[in-house]
Amino acid sequence: MTAVWRAANLLTKSWQDGVVVYNLDSGNTHLLNPIAGQVLKLLANGPADATTIARQLAGQIDLDSDPELDYNVASLLNHLDSLGLIEPVIP
């Protein structure tokens, strides 16, 4: 079964070279690169799995949608989860 993710309870502020994210539940603040910020923005719009996020990201920033992108997005999602910025959706 493919994991579906959603954004945690966050406040964000974006700049051209990064995104500052404040987790309202934990009180932690993080500085992320623009791609990670874009992934959080996509998840703030609604839950999605890694493949869906990769396809949306590819369309928004003119990347090839391929297995390497899928792998990189899945790795990024695992990292964001470890930071407490996203969480799995439990059916």
Protein backbone atom coordinates (compact mmCIF):
# COMPACT_ATOMS: atom_id res chain seq x y z
CA MET A 1 0.00 0.00 0.00
CA THR A 2 1.31 3.43 -0.97
CA ALA A 3 1.56 5.97 1.85
CA VAL A 4 -0.62 9.05 1.59
CA TRP A 5 0.69 12.16 3.33
CA ARG A 6 -0.71 15.43 4.61
CA ALA A 7 0.94 18.56 5.96
CA ALA A 8 1.10 18.99 9.72
CA ASN A 9 -0.24 22.12 11.44
CA LEU A 10 2.25 24.62 9.97
CA LEU A 11 2.90 28.28 9.32
CA THR A 12 5.20 29.05 6.38
CA LYS A 13 6.99 32.05 4.93
CA SER A 14 8.59 31.69 1.50
CA TRP A 15 11.46 33.52 -0.11
CA GLN A 16 13.11 32.91 -3.46
CA ASP A 17 15.86 30.78 -1.92
CA GLY A 18 13.97 28.94 0.80
CA VAL A 19 11.03 28.50 3.13
CA VAL A 20 10.83 28.94 6.89
CA VAL A 21 8.34 26.55 8.47
CA TYR A 22 6.99 26.78 12.01
CA ASN A 23 5.22 23.70 13.39
CA LEU A 24 2.38 24.96 15.57
CA ASP A 25 2.15 21.66 17.45
CA SER A 26 5.82 21.11 18.32
CA GLY A 27 7.05 24.71 18.33
CA ASN A 28 9.97 23.75 16.05
CA THR A 29 11.15 26.00 13.23
CA HIS A 30 12.88 24.74 10.08
CA LEU A 31 14.56 26.33 7.07
CA LEU A 32 13.88 24.32 3.91
CA ASN A 33 14.98 24.59 0.31
CA PRO A 34 12.41 25.81 -2.25
CA ILE A 35 11.59 22.29 -3.52
CA ALA A 36 10.75 21.04 -0.02
CA GLY A 37 8.64 24.15 0.45
CA GLN A 38 6.79 23.44 -2.78
CA VAL A 39 6.08 19.88 -1.64
CA LEU A 40 4.66 21.20 1.65
CA LYS A 41 2.51 23.65 -0.30
CA LEU A 42 1.14 20.80 -2.43
CA LEU A 43 0.33 18.79 0.69
CA ALA A 44 -1.33 21.81 2.32
CA ASN A 45 -3.78 21.72 -0.60
CA GLY A 46 -4.71 18.13 0.25
CA PRO A 47 -3.34 14.68 1.02
CA ALA A 48 -1.34 12.92 -1.71
CA ASP A 49 1.06 10.05 -2.28
CA ALA A 50 4.65 10.37 -3.50
CA THR A 51 3.83 9.59 -7.14
CA THR A 52 1.09 12.22 -7.27
CA ILE A 53 3.36 14.81 -5.68
CA ALA A 54 6.17 13.97 -8.12
CA ARG A 55 3.81 14.42 -11.10
CA GLN A 56 2.50 17.74 -9.78
CA LEU A 57 6.00 18.98 -9.00
CA ALA A 58 7.27 17.97 -12.44
CA GLY A 59 4.48 19.96 -14.07
CA GLN A 60 5.09 23.04 -11.95
CA ILE A 61 8.85 23.34 -12.29
CA ASP A 62 9.41 21.75 -15.69
CA LEU A 63 11.10 18.51 -14.60
CA ASP A 64 10.97 15.15 -16.31
CA SER A 65 8.57 12.84 -14.53
CA ASP A 66 10.62 9.67 -14.14
CA PRO A 67 11.58 7.00 -11.58
CA GLU A 68 14.48 9.12 -10.30
CA LEU A 69 12.10 11.98 -9.47
CA ASP A 70 9.72 9.53 -7.79
CA TYR A 71 12.60 8.20 -5.66
CA ASN A 72 13.79 11.70 -4.72
CA VAL A 73 10.28 12.83 -3.76
CA ALA A 74 9.76 9.69 -1.66
CA SER A 75 13.08 10.37 0.10
CA LEU A 76 12.08 14.00 0.71
CA LEU A 77 8.73 12.89 2.14
CA ASN A 78 10.52 10.54 4.56
CA HIS A 79 12.75 13.41 5.65
CA LEU A 80 9.81 15.80 6.11
CA ASP A 81 8.08 13.10 8.15
CA SER A 82 11.16 12.70 10.36
CA LEU A 83 11.04 16.47 11.02
CA GLY A 84 7.36 16.26 11.97
CA LEU A 85 6.29 18.49 9.08
CA ILE A 86 4.05 15.90 7.42
CA GLU A 87 2.16 12.90 8.67
CA PRO A 88 0.64 9.80 7.10
CA VAL A 89 -3.07 9.73 6.48
CA ILE A 90 -4.57 6.75 8.28
CA PRO A 91 -7.53 5.32 6.37
